[in-house]
Amino acid sequence: MTATLYVVPGSHPSMAGRLMLEHKGIAYRRVDLIPALHKPILRVLRFSGTTVPALRIDGRRIQSTLDLSRALEAMRAEPPLFPADAQARAAVEEAEAWGEDVLQPIPRRLSWWALRRDRSALRSFADGARLHVPLGLAVRTAAPIVWAEARINEAHDDAIRADLAALPALLDRVDAWLADGVLGGSPPTAADYQIATSVRLLLCFDDLREAIDRRAAGEHARALVPDFPGRVPPVLPAEWISGLR
């Protein structure tokens, strides 16, 4: 089985893709792509979309964490990414879809909003990446890329304030799924990888870390994703995060 996984440094869906491949014991070659520039590159590589993770495996091309989890489950049954019980599987699929649709965009928007205001964190997110250009040069010339990604992801003040206002209730939902056993079981499921990677990126924010670390969601994210590159120094206005404290 020959697998190549195309990722973007600091991308939480990319991390979810990596963890699911490792969960299944599938060896892969990782190719790091530069944000924003990854979109035309994936088109040249004949992927149908422009998102990461993008997996090429035995002649197939697979994108999105939802499609990837199901494709990997079909390729290799053990260890499973979904429970065998139909009711339990439905609960995991619901949590996974919610994680992809509702939770996943928030840390992405927050990251690009923050990087527009303080690009010093860029180097930390690229730690360990192989970008085929000198890291220092990539960081120094990143302003247009940061601007483009912020625009693509609608990372403007009103959206960020709305995301931060919604975040406590979203984390409550993750905590409830952990309490109910939908998340946090052994082995981890696709929903665990989907949600934990988003929460783990949020833990990279100095402004958010303490509040999230107090939660079951924070403990779950650190247990499943102990190493996630990146640290965002304080940049969020205090009044925007008062509801998290």
C-alpha atoms as a PDB file:
ATOM      1  CA  MET A   1       0.000   0.000   0.000  1.00  0.00           C
ATOM      2  CA  THR A   2       1.611   3.281  -1.176  1.00  0.00           C
ATOM      3  CA  ALA A   3       0.317   6.447   0.506  1.00  0.00           C
ATOM      4  CA  THR A   4       1.226  10.129   0.177  1.00  0.00           C
ATOM      5  CA  LEU A   5      -0.482  12.640   2.442  1.00  0.00           C
ATOM      6  CA  TYR A   6      -0.468  16.312   1.446  1.00  0.00           C
ATOM      7  CA  VAL A   7      -0.798  18.651   4.425  1.00  0.00           C
ATOM      8  CA  VAL A   8      -0.419  22.275   5.464  1.00  0.00           C
ATOM      9  CA  PRO A   9       1.691  23.028   8.577  1.00  0.00           C
ATOM     10  CA  GLY A  10      -0.465  23.957  11.547  1.00  0.00           C
ATOM     11  CA  SER A  11      -3.621  22.599   9.883  1.00  0.00           C
ATOM     12  CA  HIS A  12      -5.779  20.711  12.377  1.00  0.00           C
ATOM     13  CA  PRO A  13      -7.582  18.668   9.677  1.00  0.00           C
ATOM     14  CA  SER A  14      -4.138  17.714   8.356  1.00  0.00           C
ATOM     15  CA  MET A  15      -3.225  16.524  11.832  1.00  0.00           C
ATOM     16  CA  ALA A  16      -6.455  14.519  12.008  1.00  0.00           C
ATOM     17  CA  GLY A  17      -5.557  12.858   8.717  1.00  0.00           C
ATOM     18  CA  ARG A  18      -2.085  11.974   9.960  1.00  0.00           C
ATOM     19  CA  LEU A  19      -3.428  10.512  13.200  1.00  0.00           C
ATOM     20  CA  MET A  20      -6.031   8.388  11.437  1.00  0.00           C
ATOM     21  CA  LEU A  21      -3.414   6.917   9.101  1.00  0.00           C
ATOM     22  CA  GLU A  22      -1.196   6.139  12.084  1.00  0.00           C
ATOM     23  CA  HIS A  23      -4.201   4.680  13.931  1.00  0.00           C
ATOM     24  CA  LYS A  24      -4.677   2.244  11.050  1.00  0.00           C
ATOM     25  CA  GLY A  25      -0.965   1.452  10.880  1.00  0.00           C
ATOM     26  CA  ILE A  26      -0.683   2.687   7.298  1.00  0.00           C
ATOM     27  CA  ALA A  27       2.760   4.026   6.430  1.00  0.00           C
ATOM     28  CA  TYR A  28       2.735   7.248   4.445  1.00  0.00           C
ATOM     29  CA  ARG A  29       4.961   9.922   2.996  1.00  0.00           C
ATOM     30  CA  ARG A  30       4.066  13.424   4.198  1.00  0.00           C
ATOM     31  CA  VAL A  31       4.325  16.373   1.841  1.00  0.00           C
ATOM     32  CA  ASP A  32       4.072  19.839   3.403  1.00  0.00           C
ATOM     33  CA  LEU A  33       2.502  22.556   1.262  1.00  0.00           C
ATOM     34  CA  ILE A  34       2.516  26.319   1.779  1.00  0.00           C
ATOM     35  CA  PRO A  35      -0.879  27.738   2.835  1.00  0.00           C
ATOM     36  CA  ALA A  36      -2.952  29.326   0.049  1.00  0.00           C
ATOM     37  CA  LEU A  37      -0.453  28.051  -2.541  1.00  0.00           C
ATOM     38  CA  HIS A  38      -1.609  24.528  -1.713  1.00  0.00           C
ATOM     39  CA  LYS A  39      -4.883  25.104  -3.559  1.00  0.00           C
ATOM     40  CA  PRO A  40      -3.503  25.346  -7.126  1.00  0.00           C
ATOM     41  CA  ILE A  41      -0.905  22.685  -6.324  1.00  0.00           C
ATOM     42  CA  LEU A  42      -3.604  20.178  -5.401  1.00  0.00           C
ATOM     43  CA  ARG A  43      -5.394  20.940  -8.658  1.00  0.00           C
ATOM     44  CA  VAL A  44      -2.184  20.256 -10.583  1.00  0.00           C
ATOM     45  CA  LEU A  45      -1.925  16.966  -8.680  1.00  0.00           C
ATOM     46  CA  ARG A  46      -5.411  16.110 -10.016  1.00  0.00           C
ATOM     47  CA  PHE A  47      -7.301  16.267  -6.753  1.00  0.00           C
ATOM     48  CA  SER A  48     -10.922  17.264  -7.227  1.00  0.00           C
ATOM     49  CA  GLY A  49     -10.842  19.870  -4.448  1.00  0.00           C
ATOM     50  CA  THR A  50      -8.371  22.277  -2.871  1.00  0.00           C
ATOM     51  CA  THR A  51      -8.479  21.228   0.790  1.00  0.00           C
ATOM     52  CA  VAL A  52      -6.123  19.289   3.032  1.00  0.00           C
ATOM     53  CA  PRO A  53      -5.626  16.599   4.101  1.00  0.00           C
ATOM     54  CA  ALA A  54      -5.329  15.188   0.603  1.00  0.00           C
ATOM     55  CA  LEU A  55      -4.362  11.542   0.389  1.00  0.00           C
ATOM     56  CA  ARG A  56      -3.093   9.657  -2.636  1.00  0.00           C
ATOM     57  CA  ILE A  57      -3.152   5.937  -1.954  1.00  0.00           C
ATOM     58  CA  ASP A  58      -2.878   3.051  -4.415  1.00  0.00           C
ATOM     59  CA  GLY A  59      -4.018   5.249  -7.288  1.00  0.00           C
ATOM     60  CA  ARG A  60      -6.947   6.815  -5.378  1.00  0.00           C
ATOM     61  CA  ARG A  61      -7.244  10.461  -4.374  1.00  0.00           C
ATOM     62  CA  ILE A  62      -9.173  11.241  -1.190  1.00  0.00           C
ATOM     63  CA  GLN A  63      -9.877  14.597   0.470  1.00  0.00           C
ATOM     64  CA  SER A  64     -11.696  15.839   3.577  1.00  0.00           C
ATOM     65  CA  THR A  65     -11.445  14.207   6.960  1.00  0.00           C
ATOM     66  CA  LEU A  66     -14.941  12.729   6.649  1.00  0.00           C
ATOM     67  CA  ASP A  67     -14.164  10.964   3.372  1.00  0.00           C
ATOM     68  CA  LEU A  68     -10.750   9.937   4.647  1.00  0.00           C
ATOM     69  CA  SER A  69     -12.100   8.242   7.790  1.00  0.00           C
ATOM     70  CA  ARG A  70     -14.545   6.156   5.780  1.00  0.00           C
ATOM     71  CA  ALA A  71     -12.020   5.262   3.099  1.00  0.00           C
ATOM     72  CA  LEU A  72      -9.484   4.124   5.687  1.00  0.00           C
ATOM     73  CA  GLU A  73     -12.146   2.080   7.485  1.00  0.00           C
ATOM     74  CA  ALA A  74     -12.983   0.306   4.234  1.00  0.00           C
ATOM     75  CA  MET A  75      -9.322  -0.346   3.438  1.00  0.00           C
ATOM     76  CA  ARG A  76      -8.345  -1.749   6.820  1.00  0.00           C
ATOM     77  CA  ALA A  77     -10.933  -2.840   9.376  1.00  0.00           C
ATOM     78  CA  GLU A  78      -8.651  -2.988  12.425  1.00  0.00           C
ATOM     79  CA  PRO A  79      -8.260  -1.071  14.585  1.00  0.00           C
ATOM     80  CA  PRO A  80     -11.672   0.471  13.856  1.00  0.00           C
ATOM     81  CA  LEU A  81     -12.443   4.173  13.522  1.00  0.00           C
ATOM     82  CA  PHE A  82     -16.157   3.538  14.089  1.00  0.00           C
ATOM     83  CA  PRO A  83     -18.012   1.320  16.582  1.00  0.00           C
ATOM     84  CA  ALA A  84     -19.573  -1.892  15.309  1.00  0.00           C
ATOM     85  CA  ASP A  85     -22.866  -1.209  17.110  1.00  0.00           C
ATOM     86  CA  ALA A  86     -25.225   0.716  14.816  1.00  0.00           C
ATOM     87  CA  GLN A  87     -26.516   3.104  17.489  1.00  0.00           C
ATOM     88  CA  ALA A  88     -23.031   3.859  18.783  1.00  0.00           C
ATOM     89  CA  ARG A  89     -21.781   4.388  15.236  1.00  0.00           C
ATOM     90  CA  ALA A  90     -24.593   6.850  14.514  1.00  0.00           C
ATOM     91  CA  ALA A  91     -23.598   8.875  17.595  1.00  0.00           C
ATOM     92  CA  VAL A  92     -19.947   8.912  16.516  1.00  0.00           C
ATOM     93  CA  GLU A  93     -20.874   9.936  12.968  1.00  0.00           C
ATOM     94  CA  GLU A  94     -23.030  12.767  14.332  1.00  0.00           C
ATOM     95  CA  ALA A  95     -20.168  14.024  16.504  1.00  0.00           C
ATOM     96  CA  GLU A  96     -17.676  13.694  13.650  1.00  0.00           C
ATOM     97  CA  ALA A  97     -19.904  15.649  11.233  1.00  0.00           C
ATOM     98  CA  TRP A  98     -20.521  18.354  13.847  1.00  0.00           C
ATOM     99  CA  GLY A  99     -16.789  18.584  14.478  1.00  0.00           C
ATOM    100  CA  GLU A 100     -16.102  19.057  10.777  1.00  0.00           C
ATOM    101  CA  ASP A 101     -18.949  21.469  10.056  1.00  0.00           C
ATOM    102  CA  VAL A 102     -19.307  23.517  13.250  1.00  0.00           C
ATOM    103  CA  LEU A 103     -16.133  23.332  15.345  1.00  0.00           C
ATOM    104  CA  GLN A 104     -13.389  22.959  12.743  1.00  0.00           C
ATOM    105  CA  PRO A 105     -13.766  26.433  11.133  1.00  0.00           C
ATOM    106  CA  ILE A 106     -13.393  28.305  14.441  1.00  0.00           C
ATOM    107  CA  PRO A 107      -9.714  27.628  15.271  1.00  0.00           C
ATOM    108  CA  ARG A 108      -8.891  28.114  11.584  1.00  0.00           C
ATOM    109  CA  ARG A 109     -10.497  31.574  11.491  1.00  0.00           C
ATOM    110  CA  LEU A 110      -8.971  32.516  14.836  1.00  0.00           C
ATOM    111  CA  SER A 111      -5.510  31.507  13.628  1.00  0.00           C
ATOM    112  CA  TRP A 112      -5.588  33.580  10.454  1.00  0.00           C
ATOM    113  CA  TRP A 113      -7.134  36.562  12.275  1.00  0.00           C
ATOM    114  CA  ALA A 114      -4.368  36.398  14.898  1.00  0.00           C
ATOM    115  CA  LEU A 115      -1.585  35.971  12.344  1.00  0.00           C
ATOM    116  CA  ARG A 116      -2.703  39.098  10.500  1.00  0.00           C
ATOM    117  CA  ARG A 117      -2.032  41.018  13.698  1.00  0.00           C
ATOM    118  CA  ASP A 118       1.090  39.233  14.889  1.00  0.00           C
ATOM    119  CA  ARG A 119       3.047  37.077  12.434  1.00  0.00           C
ATOM    120  CA  SER A 120       5.615  36.080  15.069  1.00  0.00           C
ATOM    121  CA  ALA A 121       3.739  32.797  15.604  1.00  0.00           C
ATOM    122  CA  LEU A 122       4.261  31.657  12.008  1.00  0.00           C
ATOM    123  CA  ARG A 123       7.656  30.113  12.669  1.00  0.00           C
ATOM    124  CA  SER A 124       6.282  28.034  15.555  1.00  0.00           C
ATOM    125  CA  PHE A 125       3.517  26.544  13.388  1.00  0.00           C
ATOM    126  CA  ALA A 126       6.067  25.551  10.753  1.00  0.00           C
ATOM    127  CA  ASP A 127       8.204  23.674  13.281  1.00  0.00           C
ATOM    128  CA  GLY A 128       9.206  20.350  11.743  1.00  0.00           C
ATOM    129  CA  ALA A 129       7.714  21.162   8.340  1.00  0.00           C
ATOM    130  CA  ARG A 130       9.574  20.569   5.100  1.00  0.00           C
ATOM    131  CA  LEU A 131       8.480  23.406   2.835  1.00  0.00           C
ATOM    132  CA  HIS A 132      11.281  23.180   0.218  1.00  0.00           C
ATOM    133  CA  VAL A 133      12.121  26.842   0.870  1.00  0.00           C
ATOM    134  CA  PRO A 134      14.167  28.280   3.760  1.00  0.00           C
ATOM    135  CA  LEU A 135      11.913  28.727   6.775  1.00  0.00           C
ATOM    136  CA  GLY A 136      13.155  32.246   7.436  1.00  0.00           C
ATOM    137  CA  LEU A 137      12.348  33.278   3.873  1.00  0.00           C
ATOM    138  CA  ALA A 138       8.899  31.681   4.090  1.00  0.00           C
ATOM    139  CA  VAL A 139       8.120  33.622   7.271  1.00  0.00           C
ATOM    140  CA  ARG A 140       9.465  36.940   5.935  1.00  0.00           C
ATOM    141  CA  THR A 141       7.404  36.703   2.762  1.00  0.00           C
ATOM    142  CA  ALA A 142       4.216  35.363   4.370  1.00  0.00           C
ATOM    143  CA  ALA A 143       2.187  38.588   4.552  1.00  0.00           C
ATOM    144  CA  PRO A 144       0.305  38.034   1.244  1.00  0.00           C
ATOM    145  CA  ILE A 145      -0.426  34.422   2.195  1.00  0.00           C
ATOM    146  CA  VAL A 146      -1.767  35.417   5.616  1.00  0.00           C
ATOM    147  CA  TRP A 147      -3.917  38.109   4.019  1.00  0.00           C
ATOM    148  CA  ALA A 148      -5.251  35.652   1.420  1.00  0.00           C
ATOM    149  CA  GLU A 149      -6.103  32.954   3.962  1.00  0.00           C
ATOM    150  CA  ALA A 150      -7.762  35.482   6.272  1.00  0.00           C
ATOM    151  CA  ARG A 151      -9.904  36.635   3.378  1.00  0.00           C
ATOM    152  CA  ILE A 152     -10.745  33.092   2.227  1.00  0.00           C
ATOM    153  CA  ASN A 153     -11.771  32.104   5.747  1.00  0.00           C
ATOM    154  CA  GLU A 154     -13.680  35.352   6.444  1.00  0.00           C
ATOM    155  CA  ALA A 155     -11.492  35.991   9.477  1.00  0.00           C
ATOM    156  CA  HIS A 156     -12.819  39.477  10.270  1.00  0.00           C
ATOM    157  CA  ASP A 157     -13.584  41.037  13.640  1.00  0.00           C
ATOM    158  CA  ASP A 158     -17.328  40.345  13.671  1.00  0.00           C
ATOM    159  CA  ALA A 159     -16.822  36.665  12.812  1.00  0.00           C
ATOM    160  CA  ILE A 160     -14.153  36.236  15.482  1.00  0.00           C
ATOM    161  CA  ARG A 161     -16.305  37.876  18.148  1.00  0.00           C
ATOM    162  CA  ALA A 162     -19.178  35.578  17.211  1.00  0.00           C
ATOM    163  CA  ASP A 163     -16.897  32.523  17.297  1.00  0.00           C
ATOM    164  CA  LEU A 164     -15.583  33.392  20.739  1.00  0.00           C
ATOM    165  CA  ALA A 165     -19.100  34.030  22.048  1.00  0.00           C
ATOM    166  CA  ALA A 166     -20.187  30.598  20.765  1.00  0.00           C
ATOM    167  CA  LEU A 167     -17.117  28.730  21.972  1.00  0.00           C
ATOM    168  CA  PRO A 168     -18.177  27.995  25.598  1.00  0.00           C
ATOM    169  CA  ALA A 169     -21.359  26.240  24.440  1.00  0.00           C
ATOM    170  CA  LEU A 170     -19.426  24.291  21.795  1.00  0.00           C
ATOM    171  CA  LEU A 171     -16.919  23.107  24.377  1.00  0.00           C
ATOM    172  CA  ASP A 172     -19.826  22.180  26.677  1.00  0.00           C
ATOM    173  CA  ARG A 173     -21.046  19.877  23.915  1.00  0.00           C
ATOM    174  CA  VAL A 174     -17.640  18.228  23.625  1.00  0.00           C
ATOM    175  CA  ASP A 175     -17.536  17.775  27.411  1.00  0.00           C
ATOM    176  CA  ALA A 176     -21.011  16.190  27.307  1.00  0.00           C
ATOM    177  CA  TRP A 177     -19.987  13.728  24.584  1.00  0.00           C
ATOM    178  CA  LEU A 178     -16.976  12.783  26.694  1.00  0.00           C
ATOM    179  CA  ALA A 179     -19.192  12.250  29.736  1.00  0.00           C
ATOM    180  CA  ASP A 180     -21.595  10.114  27.679  1.00  0.00           C
ATOM    181  CA  GLY A 181     -18.827   7.997  26.168  1.00  0.00           C
ATOM    182  CA  VAL A 182     -19.399   9.104  22.575  1.00  0.00           C
ATOM    183  CA  LEU A 183     -15.861  10.489  22.730  1.00  0.00           C
ATOM    184  CA  GLY A 184     -12.890   9.349  24.745  1.00  0.00           C
ATOM    185  CA  GLY A 185     -13.241   5.599  24.350  1.00  0.00           C
ATOM    186  CA  SER A 186     -10.629   3.035  23.391  1.00  0.00           C
ATOM    187  CA  PRO A 187      -9.683   2.805  20.631  1.00  0.00           C
ATOM    188  CA  PRO A 188     -10.281   6.408  19.570  1.00  0.00           C
ATOM    189  CA  THR A 189     -12.833   6.967  16.837  1.00  0.00           C
ATOM    190  CA  ALA A 190     -12.947   9.238  13.821  1.00  0.00           C
ATOM    191  CA  ALA A 191     -14.958  11.704  15.936  1.00  0.00           C
ATOM    192  CA  ASP A 192     -12.191  11.769  18.560  1.00  0.00           C
ATOM    193  CA  TYR A 193      -9.599  12.704  15.951  1.00  0.00           C
ATOM    194  CA  GLN A 194     -11.897  15.222  14.277  1.00  0.00           C
ATOM    195  CA  ILE A 195     -12.760  17.093  17.469  1.00  0.00           C
ATOM    196  CA  ALA A 196      -9.549  16.704  19.491  1.00  0.00           C
ATOM    197  CA  THR A 197      -7.407  18.261  16.758  1.00  0.00           C
ATOM    198  CA  SER A 198      -9.627  21.361  16.645  1.00  0.00           C
ATOM    199  CA  VAL A 199      -9.514  21.751  20.425  1.00  0.00           C
ATOM    200  CA  ARG A 200      -5.765  21.150  20.373  1.00  0.00           C
ATOM    201  CA  LEU A 201      -5.245  24.051  17.976  1.00  0.00           C
ATOM    202  CA  LEU A 202      -7.284  26.269  20.286  1.00  0.00           C
ATOM    203  CA  LEU A 203      -4.881  25.281  23.081  1.00  0.00           C
ATOM    204  CA  CYS A 204      -2.068  26.915  21.090  1.00  0.00           C
ATOM    205  CA  PHE A 205      -3.578  30.324  21.939  1.00  0.00           C
ATOM    206  CA  ASP A 206      -2.157  31.904  25.091  1.00  0.00           C
ATOM    207  CA  ASP A 207      -5.467  33.763  25.456  1.00  0.00           C
ATOM    208  CA  LEU A 208      -7.544  30.553  25.492  1.00  0.00           C
ATOM    209  CA  ARG A 209      -5.305  27.869  26.944  1.00  0.00           C
ATOM    210  CA  GLU A 210      -6.088  28.211  30.656  1.00  0.00           C
ATOM    211  CA  ALA A 211      -9.855  28.185  30.182  1.00  0.00           C
ATOM    212  CA  ILE A 212      -9.800  25.148  27.874  1.00  0.00           C
ATOM    213  CA  ASP A 213      -7.263  23.191  29.936  1.00  0.00           C
ATOM    214  CA  ARG A 214      -9.752  23.219  32.835  1.00  0.00           C
ATOM    215  CA  ARG A 215     -12.246  21.267  30.735  1.00  0.00           C
ATOM    216  CA  ALA A 216     -12.566  17.595  29.876  1.00  0.00           C
ATOM    217  CA  ALA A 217     -12.301  18.714  26.232  1.00  0.00           C
ATOM    218  CA  GLY A 218      -8.835  20.114  26.896  1.00  0.00           C
ATOM    219  CA  GLU A 219      -7.648  16.973  28.669  1.00  0.00           C
ATOM    220  CA  HIS A 220      -8.996  14.818  25.838  1.00  0.00           C
ATOM    221  CA  ALA A 221      -7.245  16.942  23.195  1.00  0.00           C
ATOM    222  CA  ARG A 222      -3.888  16.809  24.967  1.00  0.00           C
ATOM    223  CA  ALA A 223      -4.148  13.044  25.492  1.00  0.00           C
ATOM    224  CA  LEU A 224      -4.941  12.339  21.843  1.00  0.00           C
ATOM    225  CA  VAL A 225      -2.713  15.038  20.317  1.00  0.00           C
ATOM    226  CA  PRO A 226       0.186  15.541  22.743  1.00  0.00           C
ATOM    227  CA  ASP A 227       2.325  17.351  20.172  1.00  0.00           C
ATOM    228  CA  PHE A 228       0.888  20.117  18.031  1.00  0.00           C
ATOM    229  CA  PRO A 229       3.216  22.800  16.680  1.00  0.00           C
ATOM    230  CA  GLY A 230       2.450  26.443  17.243  1.00  0.00           C
ATOM    231  CA  ARG A 231       1.938  29.051  19.892  1.00  0.00           C
ATOM    232  CA  VAL A 232      -0.084  32.249  19.479  1.00  0.00           C
ATOM    233  CA  PRO A 233       0.882  35.016  21.935  1.00  0.00           C
ATOM    234  CA  PRO A 234      -1.836  37.143  23.553  1.00  0.00           C
ATOM    235  CA  VAL A 235      -3.629  39.046  20.801  1.00  0.00           C
ATOM    236  CA  LEU A 236      -7.379  38.836  21.518  1.00  0.00           C
ATOM    237  CA  PRO A 237      -9.094  41.824  23.196  1.00  0.00           C
ATOM    238  CA  ALA A 238      -9.963  41.006  26.810  1.00  0.00           C
ATOM    239  CA  GLU A 239     -13.641  41.854  26.363  1.00  0.00           C
ATOM    240  CA  TRP A 240     -13.940  39.310  23.532  1.00  0.00           C
ATOM    241  CA  ILE A 241     -12.833  36.400  25.731  1.00  0.00           C
ATOM    242  CA  SER A 242     -14.462  37.417  29.001  1.00  0.00           C
ATOM    243  CA  GLY A 243     -17.104  34.680  28.570  1.00  0.00           C
ATOM    244  CA  LEU A 244     -14.409  31.999  28.608  1.00  0.00           C
ATOM    245  CA  ARG A 245     -12.997  32.977  31.964  1.00  0.00           C
END
